[in-house]
PDB file of all heavy atoms in Angstrom:
ATOM      1  N   SER A   1     102.342 101.541 104.779  1.00  0.00           N
ATOM      2  CA  SER A   1     103.343 100.522 104.474  1.00  0.00           C
ATOM      3  C   SER A   1     103.613 100.412 102.992  1.00  0.00           C
ATOM      4  O   SER A   1     104.633  99.894 102.570  1.00  0.00           O
ATOM      5  CB  SER A   1     102.884  99.162 105.012  1.00  0.00           C
ATOM      6  OG  SER A   1     101.667  98.779 104.372  1.00  0.00           O
ATOM      7  N   HIS A   2     102.691 100.926 102.119  1.00  0.00           N
ATOM      8  CA  HIS A   2     102.863 100.820 100.684  1.00  0.00           C
ATOM      9  C   HIS A   2     103.492 102.083 100.084  1.00  0.00           C
ATOM     10  O   HIS A   2     103.587 102.197  98.876  1.00  0.00           O
ATOM     11  CB  HIS A   2     101.500 100.593 100.004  1.00  0.00           C
ATOM     12  CG  HIS A   2     100.905  99.264 100.342  1.00  0.00           C
ATOM     13  ND1 HIS A   2     101.571  98.083 100.146  1.00  0.00           N
ATOM     14  CD2 HIS A   2      99.702  98.951 100.895  1.00  0.00           C
ATOM     15  CE1 HIS A   2     100.804  97.061 100.540  1.00  0.00           C
ATOM     16  NE2 HIS A   2      99.663  97.582 101.006  1.00  0.00           N
ATOM     17  N   VAL A   3     103.846 103.035 100.901  1.00  0.00           N
ATOM     18  CA  VAL A   3     104.435 104.281 100.431  1.00  0.00           C
ATOM     19  C   VAL A   3     105.841 104.396 100.968  1.00  0.00           C
ATOM     20  O   VAL A   3     106.026 104.340 102.184  1.00  0.00           O
ATOM     21  CB  VAL A   3     103.592 105.506 100.881  1.00  0.00           C
ATOM     22  CG1 VAL A   3     104.213 106.789 100.333  1.00  0.00           C
ATOM     23  CG2 VAL A   3     102.149 105.351 100.441  1.00  0.00           C
ATOM     24  N   ASP A   4     106.823 104.496 100.088  1.00  0.00           N
ATOM     25  CA  ASP A   4     108.198 104.580 100.586  1.00  0.00           C
ATOM     26  C   ASP A   4     108.496 105.999 101.055  1.00  0.00           C
ATOM     27  O   ASP A   4     107.738 106.933 100.842  1.00  0.00           O
ATOM     28  CB  ASP A   4     109.208 104.155  99.498  1.00  0.00           C
ATOM     29  CG  ASP A   4     109.125 105.021  98.260  1.00  0.00           C
ATOM     30  OD1 ASP A   4     108.649 106.158  98.367  1.00  0.00           O
ATOM     31  OD2 ASP A   4     109.551 104.533  97.199  1.00  0.00           O
ATOM     32  N   SER A   5     109.629 106.145 101.712  1.00  0.00           N
ATOM     33  CA  SER A   5     109.976 107.421 102.338  1.00  0.00           C
ATOM     34  C   SER A   5     110.204 108.513 101.309  1.00  0.00           C
ATOM     35  O   SER A   5     109.882 109.671 101.532  1.00  0.00           O
ATOM     36  CB  SER A   5     111.239 107.247 103.196  1.00  0.00           C
ATOM     37  OG  SER A   5     112.315 106.778 102.393  1.00  0.00           O
ATOM     38  N   ASN A   6     110.786 108.169 100.152  1.00  0.00           N
ATOM     39  CA  ASN A   6     111.027 109.172  99.114  1.00  0.00           C
ATOM     40  C   ASN A   6     109.728 109.724  98.565  1.00  0.00           C
ATOM     41  O   ASN A   6     109.581 110.910  98.308  1.00  0.00           O
ATOM     42  CB  ASN A   6     111.848 108.560  97.974  1.00  0.00           C
ATOM     43  CG  ASN A   6     113.262 108.254  98.410  1.00  0.00           C
ATOM     44  OD1 ASN A   6     113.786 108.901  99.308  1.00  0.00           O
ATOM     45  ND2 ASN A   6     113.863 107.246  97.779  1.00  0.00           N
ATOM     46  N   GLU A   7     108.763 108.830  98.353  1.00  0.00           N
ATOM     47  CA  GLU A   7     107.468 109.257  97.825  1.00  0.00           C
ATOM     48  C   GLU A   7     106.774 110.160  98.818  1.00  0.00           C
ATOM     49  O   GLU A   7     106.177 111.172  98.479  1.00  0.00           O
ATOM     50  CB  GLU A   7     106.621 108.010  97.537  1.00  0.00           C
ATOM     51  CG  GLU A   7     105.270 108.297  96.928  1.00  0.00           C
ATOM     52  CD  GLU A   7     105.361 108.632  95.456  1.00  0.00           C
ATOM     53  OE1 GLU A   7     106.481 108.627  94.913  1.00  0.00           O
ATOM     54  OE2 GLU A   7     104.301 108.917  94.858  1.00  0.00           O
ATOM     55  N   GLU A   8     106.868 109.799 100.097  1.00  0.00           N
ATOM     56  CA  GLU A   8     106.209 110.609 101.125  1.00  0.00           C
ATOM     57  C   GLU A   8     106.869 111.965 101.249  1.00  0.00           C
ATOM     58  O   GLU A   8     106.192 112.994 101.387  1.00  0.00           O
ATOM     59  CB  GLU A   8     106.289 109.861 102.461  1.00  0.00           C
ATOM     60  CG  GLU A   8     105.550 110.594 103.592  1.00  0.00           C
ATOM     61  CD  GLU A   8     105.606 109.804 104.887  1.00  0.00           C
ATOM     62  OE1 GLU A   8     106.169 108.708 104.887  1.00  0.00           O
ATOM     63  OE2 GLU A   8     105.075 110.311 105.897  1.00  0.00           O
ATOM     64  N   ALA A   9     108.196 111.990 101.168  1.00  0.00           N
ATOM     65  CA  ALA A   9     108.893 113.266 101.293  1.00  0.00           C
ATOM     66  C   ALA A   9     108.603 114.171 100.108  1.00  0.00           C
ATOM     67  O   ALA A   9     108.529 115.387 100.239  1.00  0.00           O
ATOM     68  CB  ALA A   9     110.403 113.020 101.387  1.00  0.00           C
ATOM     69  N   ARG A  10     108.415 113.569  98.956  1.00  0.00           N
ATOM     70  CA  ARG A  10     108.179 114.368  97.753  1.00  0.00           C
ATOM     71  C   ARG A  10     106.885 115.145  97.840  1.00  0.00           C
ATOM     72  O   ARG A  10     106.773 116.289  97.378  1.00  0.00           O
ATOM     73  CB  ARG A  10     108.172 113.438  96.526  1.00  0.00           C
ATOM     74  CG  ARG A  10     107.924 114.160  95.210  1.00  0.00           C
ATOM     75  CD  ARG A  10     107.882 113.178  94.084  1.00  0.00           C
ATOM     76  NE  ARG A  10     107.540 113.856  92.827  1.00  0.00           N
ATOM     77  CZ  ARG A  10     107.312 113.230  91.699  1.00  0.00           C
ATOM     78  NH1 ARG A  10     107.373 111.910  91.647  1.00  0.00           N
ATOM     79  NH2 ARG A  10     106.998 113.909  90.601  1.00  0.00           N
ATOM     80  N   PHE A  11     105.841 114.528  98.394  1.00  0.00           N
ATOM     81  CA  PHE A  11     104.530 115.174  98.445  1.00  0.00           C
ATOM     82  C   PHE A  11     104.216 115.729  99.832  1.00  0.00           C
ATOM     83  O   PHE A  11     103.066 115.915 100.183  1.00  0.00           O
ATOM     84  CB  PHE A  11     103.443 114.163  98.047  1.00  0.00           C
ATOM     85  CG  PHE A  11     103.581 113.707  96.627  1.00  0.00           C
ATOM     86  CD1 PHE A  11     104.011 112.419  96.342  1.00  0.00           C
ATOM     87  CD2 PHE A  11     103.308 114.568  95.588  1.00  0.00           C
ATOM     88  CE1 PHE A  11     104.146 112.002  95.042  1.00  0.00           C
ATOM     89  CE2 PHE A  11     103.440 114.149  94.282  1.00  0.00           C
ATOM     90  CZ  PHE A  11     103.867 112.864  94.015  1.00  0.00           C
ATOM     91  N   SER A  12     105.272 115.961 100.591  1.00  0.00           N
ATOM     92  CA  SER A  12     105.071 116.534 101.923  1.00  0.00           C
ATOM     93  C   SER A  12     104.525 117.945 101.810  1.00  0.00           C
ATOM     94  O   SER A  12     104.858 118.702 100.910  1.00  0.00           O
ATOM     95  CB  SER A  12     106.405 116.547 102.683  1.00  0.00           C
ATOM     96  OG  SER A  12     106.267 117.249 103.888  1.00  0.00           O
ATOM     97  N   THR A  13     103.675 118.297 102.734  1.00  0.00           N
ATOM     98  CA  THR A  13     103.088 119.648 102.706  1.00  0.00           C
ATOM     99  C   THR A  13     104.105 120.708 103.068  1.00  0.00           C
ATOM    100  O   THR A  13     103.820 121.901 102.977  1.00  0.00           O
ATOM    101  CB  THR A  13     101.915 119.714 103.700  1.00  0.00           C
ATOM    102  OG1 THR A  13     102.372 119.313 104.987  1.00  0.00           O
ATOM    103  CG2 THR A  13     100.786 118.818 103.252  1.00  0.00           C
ATOM    104  N   GLN A  14     105.319 120.310 103.500  1.00  0.00           N
ATOM    105  CA  GLN A  14     106.330 121.297 103.812  1.00  0.00           C
ATOM    106  C   GLN A  14     106.891 121.937 102.544  1.00  0.00           C
ATOM    107  O   GLN A  14     107.481 122.997 102.584  1.00  0.00           O
ATOM    108  CB  GLN A  14     107.480 120.621 104.595  1.00  0.00           C
ATOM    109  CG  GLN A  14     107.047 120.002 105.924  1.00  0.00           C
ATOM    110  CD  GLN A  14     106.497 121.051 106.870  1.00  0.00           C
ATOM    111  OE1 GLN A  14     107.009 122.164 106.909  1.00  0.00           O
ATOM    112  NE2 GLN A  14     105.468 120.711 107.626  1.00  0.00           N
ATOM    113  N   ASP A  15     106.740 121.238 101.402  1.00  0.00           N
ATOM    114  CA  ASP A  15     107.239 121.773 100.126  1.00  0.00           C
ATOM    115  C   ASP A  15     106.203 122.717  99.536  1.00  0.00           C
ATOM    116  O   ASP A  15     105.042 122.347  99.387  1.00  0.00           O
ATOM    117  CB  ASP A  15     107.520 120.647  99.125  1.00  0.00           C
ATOM    118  CG  ASP A  15     108.659 119.761  99.604  1.00  0.00           C
ATOM    119  OD1 ASP A  15     109.508 120.293 100.337  1.00  0.00           O
ATOM    120  OD2 ASP A  15     108.674 118.564  99.242  1.00  0.00           O
ATOM    121  N   GLY A  16     106.648 123.926  99.140  1.00  0.00           N
ATOM    122  CA  GLY A  16     105.750 124.880  98.506  1.00  0.00           C
ATOM    123  C   GLY A  16     105.620 124.593  97.024  1.00  0.00           C
ATOM    124  O   GLY A  16     106.316 123.756  96.455  1.00  0.00           O
ATOM    125  N   TYR A  17     104.734 125.346  96.429  1.00  0.00           N
ATOM    126  CA  TYR A  17     104.487 125.173  95.008  1.00  0.00           C
ATOM    127  C   TYR A  17     105.733 125.500  94.176  1.00  0.00           C
ATOM    128  O   TYR A  17     106.102 124.766  93.260  1.00  0.00           O
ATOM    129  CB  TYR A  17     103.324 126.075  94.596  1.00  0.00           C
ATOM    130  CG  TYR A  17     103.146 126.202  93.110  1.00  0.00           C
ATOM    131  CD1 TYR A  17     102.776 125.099  92.356  1.00  0.00           C
ATOM    132  CD2 TYR A  17     103.351 127.430  92.477  1.00  0.00           C
ATOM    133  CE1 TYR A  17     102.609 125.210  90.989  1.00  0.00           C
ATOM    134  CE2 TYR A  17     103.195 127.539  91.113  1.00  0.00           C
ATOM    135  CZ  TYR A  17     102.814 126.433  90.375  1.00  0.00           C
ATOM    136  OH  TYR A  17     102.652 126.558  89.030  1.00  0.00           O
ATOM    137  N   GLY A  18     106.441 126.597  94.529  1.00  0.00           N
ATOM    138  CA  GLY A  18     107.618 127.005  93.769  1.00  0.00           C
ATOM    139  C   GLY A  18     108.703 125.950  93.800  1.00  0.00           C
ATOM    140  O   GLY A  18     109.287 125.609  92.775  1.00  0.00           O
ATOM    141  N   ASP A  19     108.985 125.402  94.997  1.00  0.00           N
ATOM    142  CA  ASP A  19     110.011 124.379  95.107  1.00  0.00           C
ATOM    143  C   ASP A  19     109.645 123.148  94.306  1.00  0.00           C
ATOM    144  O   ASP A  19     110.497 122.509  93.675  1.00  0.00           O
ATOM    145  CB  ASP A  19     110.232 123.984  96.580  1.00  0.00           C
ATOM    146  CG  ASP A  19     110.859 125.106  97.389  1.00  0.00           C
ATOM    147  OD1 ASP A  19     111.477 125.988  96.753  1.00  0.00           O
ATOM    148  OD2 ASP A  19     110.730 125.096  98.619  1.00  0.00           O
ATOM    149  N   SER A  20     108.366 122.787  94.325  1.00  0.00           N
ATOM    150  CA  SER A  20     107.930 121.598  93.601  1.00  0.00           C
ATOM    151  C   SER A  20     108.120 121.772  92.103  1.00  0.00           C
ATOM    152  O   SER A  20     108.578 120.872  91.401  1.00  0.00           O
ATOM    153  CB  SER A  20     106.449 121.312  93.902  1.00  0.00           C
ATOM    154  OG  SER A  20     106.255 121.100  95.286  1.00  0.00           O
ATOM    155  N   VAL A  21     107.764 122.952  91.601  1.00  0.00           N
ATOM    156  CA  VAL A  21     107.892 123.208  90.177  1.00  0.00           C
ATOM    157  C   VAL A  21     109.358 123.218  89.764  1.00  0.00           C
ATOM    158  O   VAL A  21     109.743 122.649  88.745  1.00  0.00           O
ATOM    159  CB  VAL A  21     107.226 124.545  89.801  1.00  0.00           C
ATOM    160  CG1 VAL A  21     107.516 124.904  88.349  1.00  0.00           C
ATOM    161  CG2 VAL A  21     105.729 124.459  90.033  1.00  0.00           C
ATOM    162  N   ILE A  22     110.219 123.858  90.574  1.00  0.00           N
ATOM    163  CA  ILE A  22     111.642 123.928  90.262  1.00  0.00           C
ATOM    164  C   ILE A  22     112.261 122.538  90.245  1.00  0.00           C
ATOM    165  O   ILE A  22     112.991 122.151  89.330  1.00  0.00           O
ATOM    166  CB  ILE A  22     112.376 124.832  91.274  1.00  0.00           C
ATOM    167  CG1 ILE A  22     111.933 126.286  91.081  1.00  0.00           C
ATOM    168  CG2 ILE A  22     113.882 124.716  91.110  1.00  0.00           C
ATOM    169  CD1 ILE A  22     112.469 127.231  92.128  1.00  0.00           C
ATOM    170  N   LYS A  23     111.952 121.761  91.291  1.00  0.00           N
ATOM    171  CA  LYS A  23     112.505 120.411  91.358  1.00  0.00           C
ATOM    172  C   LYS A  23     111.997 119.559  90.202  1.00  0.00           C
ATOM    173  O   LYS A  23     112.747 118.775  89.615  1.00  0.00           O
ATOM    174  CB  LYS A  23     112.133 119.763  92.698  1.00  0.00           C
ATOM    175  CG  LYS A  23     112.856 120.391  93.891  1.00  0.00           C
ATOM    176  CD  LYS A  23     112.446 119.722  95.194  1.00  0.00           C
ATOM    177  CE  LYS A  23     113.168 120.364  96.377  1.00  0.00           C
ATOM    178  NZ  LYS A  23     112.750 119.739  97.656  1.00  0.00           N
ATOM    179  N   GLY A  24     110.726 119.723  89.890  1.00  0.00           N
ATOM    180  CA  GLY A  24     110.171 118.960  88.771  1.00  0.00           C
ATOM    181  C   GLY A  24     110.838 119.319  87.467  1.00  0.00           C
ATOM    182  O   GLY A  24     111.147 118.450  86.639  1.00  0.00           O
ATOM    183  N   GLY A  25     111.110 120.616  87.270  1.00  0.00           N
ATOM    184  CA  GLY A  25     111.782 121.047  86.051  1.00  0.00           C
ATOM    185  C   GLY A  25     113.206 120.537  85.972  1.00  0.00           C
ATOM    186  O   GLY A  25     113.686 120.136  84.916  1.00  0.00           O
ATOM    187  N   GLN A  26     113.909 120.535  87.132  1.00  0.00           N
ATOM    188  CA  GLN A  26     115.273 120.040  87.156  1.00  0.00           C
ATOM    189  C   GLN A  26     115.319 118.551  86.844  1.00  0.00           C
ATOM    190  O   GLN A  26     116.173 118.085  86.082  1.00  0.00           O
ATOM    191  CB  GLN A  26     115.907 120.306  88.522  1.00  0.00           C
ATOM    192  CG  GLN A  26     116.175 121.774  88.793  1.00  0.00           C
ATOM    193  CD  GLN A  26     116.689 122.009  90.200  1.00  0.00           C
ATOM    194  OE1 GLN A  26     116.557 121.143  91.067  1.00  0.00           O
ATOM    195  NE2 GLN A  26     117.269 123.170  90.422  1.00  0.00           N
ATOM    196  N   VAL A  27     114.409 117.810  87.423  1.00  0.00           N
ATOM    197  CA  VAL A  27     114.359 116.375  87.177  1.00  0.00           C
ATOM    198  C   VAL A  27     114.069 116.094  85.699  1.00  0.00           C
ATOM    199  O   VAL A  27     114.683 115.235  85.072  1.00  0.00           O
ATOM    200  CB  VAL A  27     113.298 115.698  88.073  1.00  0.00           C
ATOM    201  CG1 VAL A  27     113.088 114.249  87.659  1.00  0.00           C
ATOM    202  CG2 VAL A  27     113.718 115.774  89.534  1.00  0.00           C
ATOM    203  N   ALA A  28     113.130 116.863  85.131  1.00  0.00           N
ATOM    204  CA  ALA A  28     112.781 116.664  83.723  1.00  0.00           C
ATOM    205  C   ALA A  28     113.968 117.003  82.819  1.00  0.00           C
ATOM    206  O   ALA A  28     114.249 116.299  81.848  1.00  0.00           O
ATOM    207  CB  ALA A  28     111.578 117.520  83.358  1.00  0.00           C
ATOM    208  N   ALA A  29     114.673 118.103  83.145  1.00  0.00           N
ATOM    209  CA  ALA A  29     115.826 118.497  82.331  1.00  0.00           C
ATOM    210  C   ALA A  29     116.932 117.463  82.406  1.00  0.00           C
ATOM    211  O   ALA A  29     117.573 117.129  81.403  1.00  0.00           O
ATOM    212  CB  ALA A  29     116.354 119.868  82.786  1.00  0.00           C
ATOM    213  N   GLU A  30     117.181 116.964  83.637  1.00  0.00           N
ATOM    214  CA  GLU A  30     118.208 115.941  83.796  1.00  0.00           C
ATOM    215  C   GLU A  30     117.826 114.676  83.042  1.00  0.00           C
ATOM    216  O   GLU A  30     118.674 114.009  82.447  1.00  0.00           O
ATOM    217  CB  GLU A  30     118.420 115.634  85.276  1.00  0.00           C
ATOM    218  CG  GLU A  30     119.069 116.789  86.041  1.00  0.00           C
ATOM    219  CD  GLU A  30     119.131 116.505  87.538  1.00  0.00           C
ATOM    220  OE1 GLU A  30     118.673 115.412  87.943  1.00  0.00           O
ATOM    221  OE2 GLU A  30     119.638 117.351  88.282  1.00  0.00           O
ATOM    222  N   GLY A  31     116.550 114.369  83.069  1.00  0.00           N
ATOM    223  CA  GLY A  31     116.090 113.175  82.355  1.00  0.00           C
ATOM    224  C   GLY A  31     116.281 113.317  80.859  1.00  0.00           C
ATOM    225  O   GLY A  31     116.725 112.386  80.184  1.00  0.00           O
ATOM    226  N   ARG A  32     115.977 114.506  80.311  1.00  0.00           N
ATOM    227  CA  ARG A  32     116.153 114.725  78.873  1.00  0.00           C
ATOM    228  C   ARG A  32     117.625 114.693  78.493  1.00  0.00           C
ATOM    229  O   ARG A  32     118.003 114.187  77.435  1.00  0.00           O
ATOM    230  CB  ARG A  32     115.524 116.056  78.459  1.00  0.00           C
ATOM    231  CG  ARG A  32     114.003 116.069  78.473  1.00  0.00           C
ATOM    232  CD  ARG A  32     113.488 117.307  77.761  1.00  0.00           C
ATOM    233  NE  ARG A  32     113.893 118.529  78.418  1.00  0.00           N
ATOM    234  CZ  ARG A  32     113.178 119.135  79.358  1.00  0.00           C
ATOM    235  NH1 ARG A  32     112.028 118.621  79.771  1.00  0.00           N
ATOM    236  NH2 ARG A  32     113.611 120.254  79.906  1.00  0.00           N
ATOM    237  N   ALA A  33     118.485 115.266  79.364  1.00  0.00           N
ATOM    238  CA  ALA A  33     119.921 115.280  79.074  1.00  0.00           C
ATOM    239  C   ALA A  33     120.484 113.871  79.057  1.00  0.00           C
ATOM    240  O   ALA A  33     121.330 113.522  78.223  1.00  0.00           O
ATOM    241  CB  ALA A  33     120.669 116.144  80.094  1.00  0.00           C
ATOM    242  N   LYS A  34     120.030 113.036  80.015  1.00  0.00           N
ATOM    243  CA  LYS A  34     120.513 111.666  80.060  1.00  0.00           C
ATOM    244  C   LYS A  34     119.978 110.849  78.894  1.00  0.00           C
ATOM    245  O   LYS A  34     120.666 109.993  78.341  1.00  0.00           O
ATOM    246  CB  LYS A  34     120.110 111.017  81.388  1.00  0.00           C
ATOM    247  CG  LYS A  34     120.831 111.605  82.602  1.00  0.00           C
ATOM    248  CD  LYS A  34     120.384 110.931  83.884  1.00  0.00           C
ATOM    249  CE  LYS A  34     121.105 111.523  85.096  1.00  0.00           C
ATOM    250  NZ  LYS A  34     120.650 110.903  86.355  1.00  0.00           N
ATOM    251  N   ALA A  35     118.751 111.122  78.521  1.00  0.00           N
ATOM    252  CA  ALA A  35     118.142 110.365  77.432  1.00  0.00           C
ATOM    253  C   ALA A  35     118.763 110.722  76.087  1.00  0.00           C
ATOM    254  O   ALA A  35     118.947 109.860  75.228  1.00  0.00           O
ATOM    255  CB  ALA A  35     116.632 110.624  77.393  1.00  0.00           C
ATOM    256  N   ASN A  36     119.118 111.992  75.881  1.00  0.00           N
ATOM    257  CA  ASN A  36     119.689 112.419  74.608  1.00  0.00           C
ATOM    258  C   ASN A  36     120.800 113.436  74.856  1.00  0.00           C
ATOM    259  O   ASN A  36     120.602 114.640  74.739  1.00  0.00           O
ATOM    260  CB  ASN A  36     118.602 113.035  73.725  1.00  0.00           C
ATOM    261  CG  ASN A  36     119.060 113.185  72.281  1.00  0.00           C
ATOM    262  OD1 ASN A  36     120.249 113.035  71.984  1.00  0.00           O
ATOM    263  ND2 ASN A  36     118.124 113.478  71.392  1.00  0.00           N
ATOM    264  N   PRO A  37     122.011 112.968  75.224  1.00  0.00           N
ATOM    265  CA  PRO A  37     123.106 113.895  75.541  1.00  0.00           C
ATOM    266  C   PRO A  37     123.541 114.729  74.344  1.00  0.00           C
ATOM    267  O   PRO A  37     123.966 115.870  74.501  1.00  0.00           O
ATOM    268  CB  PRO A  37     124.235 112.951  75.996  1.00  0.00           C
ATOM    269  CG  PRO A  37     123.889 111.621  75.404  1.00  0.00           C
ATOM    270  CD  PRO A  37     122.394 111.579  75.374  1.00  0.00           C
ATOM    271  N   LEU A  38     123.433 114.202  73.111  1.00  0.00           N
ATOM    272  CA  LEU A  38     123.823 114.967  71.931  1.00  0.00           C
ATOM    273  C   LEU A  38     122.907 116.156  71.712  1.00  0.00           C
ATOM    274  O   LEU A  38     123.353 117.244  71.342  1.00  0.00           O
ATOM    275  CB  LEU A  38     123.814 114.062  70.698  1.00  0.00           C
ATOM    276  CG  LEU A  38     124.869 112.956  70.671  1.00  0.00           C
ATOM    277  CD1 LEU A  38     124.725 112.112  69.415  1.00  0.00           C
ATOM    278  CD2 LEU A  38     126.278 113.547  70.743  1.00  0.00           C
ATOM    279  N   GLN A  39     121.622 115.962  71.962  1.00  0.00           N
ATOM    280  CA  GLN A  39     120.670 117.072  71.815  1.00  0.00           C
ATOM    281  C   GLN A  39     120.941 118.138  72.860  1.00  0.00           C
ATOM    282  O   GLN A  39     120.877 119.333  72.574  1.00  0.00           O
ATOM    283  CB  GLN A  39     119.246 116.551  71.944  1.00  0.00           C
ATOM    284  CG  GLN A  39     118.180 117.638  71.761  1.00  0.00           C
ATOM    285  CD  GLN A  39     116.770 117.081  71.894  1.00  0.00           C
ATOM    286  OE1 GLN A  39     116.589 115.888  72.130  1.00  0.00           O
ATOM    287  NE2 GLN A  39     115.789 117.936  71.748  1.00  0.00           N
ATOM    288  N   SER A  40     121.264 117.701  74.082  1.00  0.00           N
ATOM    289  CA  SER A  40     121.580 118.660  75.142  1.00  0.00           C
ATOM    290  C   SER A  40     122.830 119.450  74.798  1.00  0.00           C
ATOM    291  O   SER A  40     122.897 120.656  75.016  1.00  0.00           O
ATOM    292  CB  SER A  40     121.774 117.921  76.470  1.00  0.00           C
ATOM    293  OG  SER A  40     122.148 118.812  77.491  1.00  0.00           O
ATOM    294  N   LEU A  41     123.838 118.762  74.222  1.00  0.00           N
ATOM    295  CA  LEU A  41     125.066 119.441  73.838  1.00  0.00           C
ATOM    296  C   LEU A  41     124.809 120.438  72.714  1.00  0.00           C
ATOM    297  O   LEU A  41     125.359 121.532  72.690  1.00  0.00           O
ATOM    298  CB  LEU A  41     126.108 118.399  73.387  1.00  0.00           C
ATOM    299  CG  LEU A  41     127.481 118.938  72.967  1.00  0.00           C
ATOM    300  CD1 LEU A  41     128.157 119.614  74.144  1.00  0.00           C
ATOM    301  CD2 LEU A  41     128.350 117.809  72.431  1.00  0.00           C
ATOM    302  N   GLY A  42     123.940 120.052  71.782  1.00  0.00           N
ATOM    303  CA  GLY A  42     123.633 120.934  70.657  1.00  0.00           C
ATOM    304  C   GLY A  42     122.903 122.190  71.075  1.00  0.00           C
ATOM    305  O   GLY A  42     122.954 123.202  70.389  1.00  0.00           O
TER     306      GLY A  42
END
């Protein structure tokens, strides 16, 4: 009851290591772009 569906889906055993790393990298890149759009543009 304390774990939402997104959290459970994220750590599901159906996801392989490669997919997890790729998704993590995409999320991190998107986060950096949103945090500093000028740096991303540069």
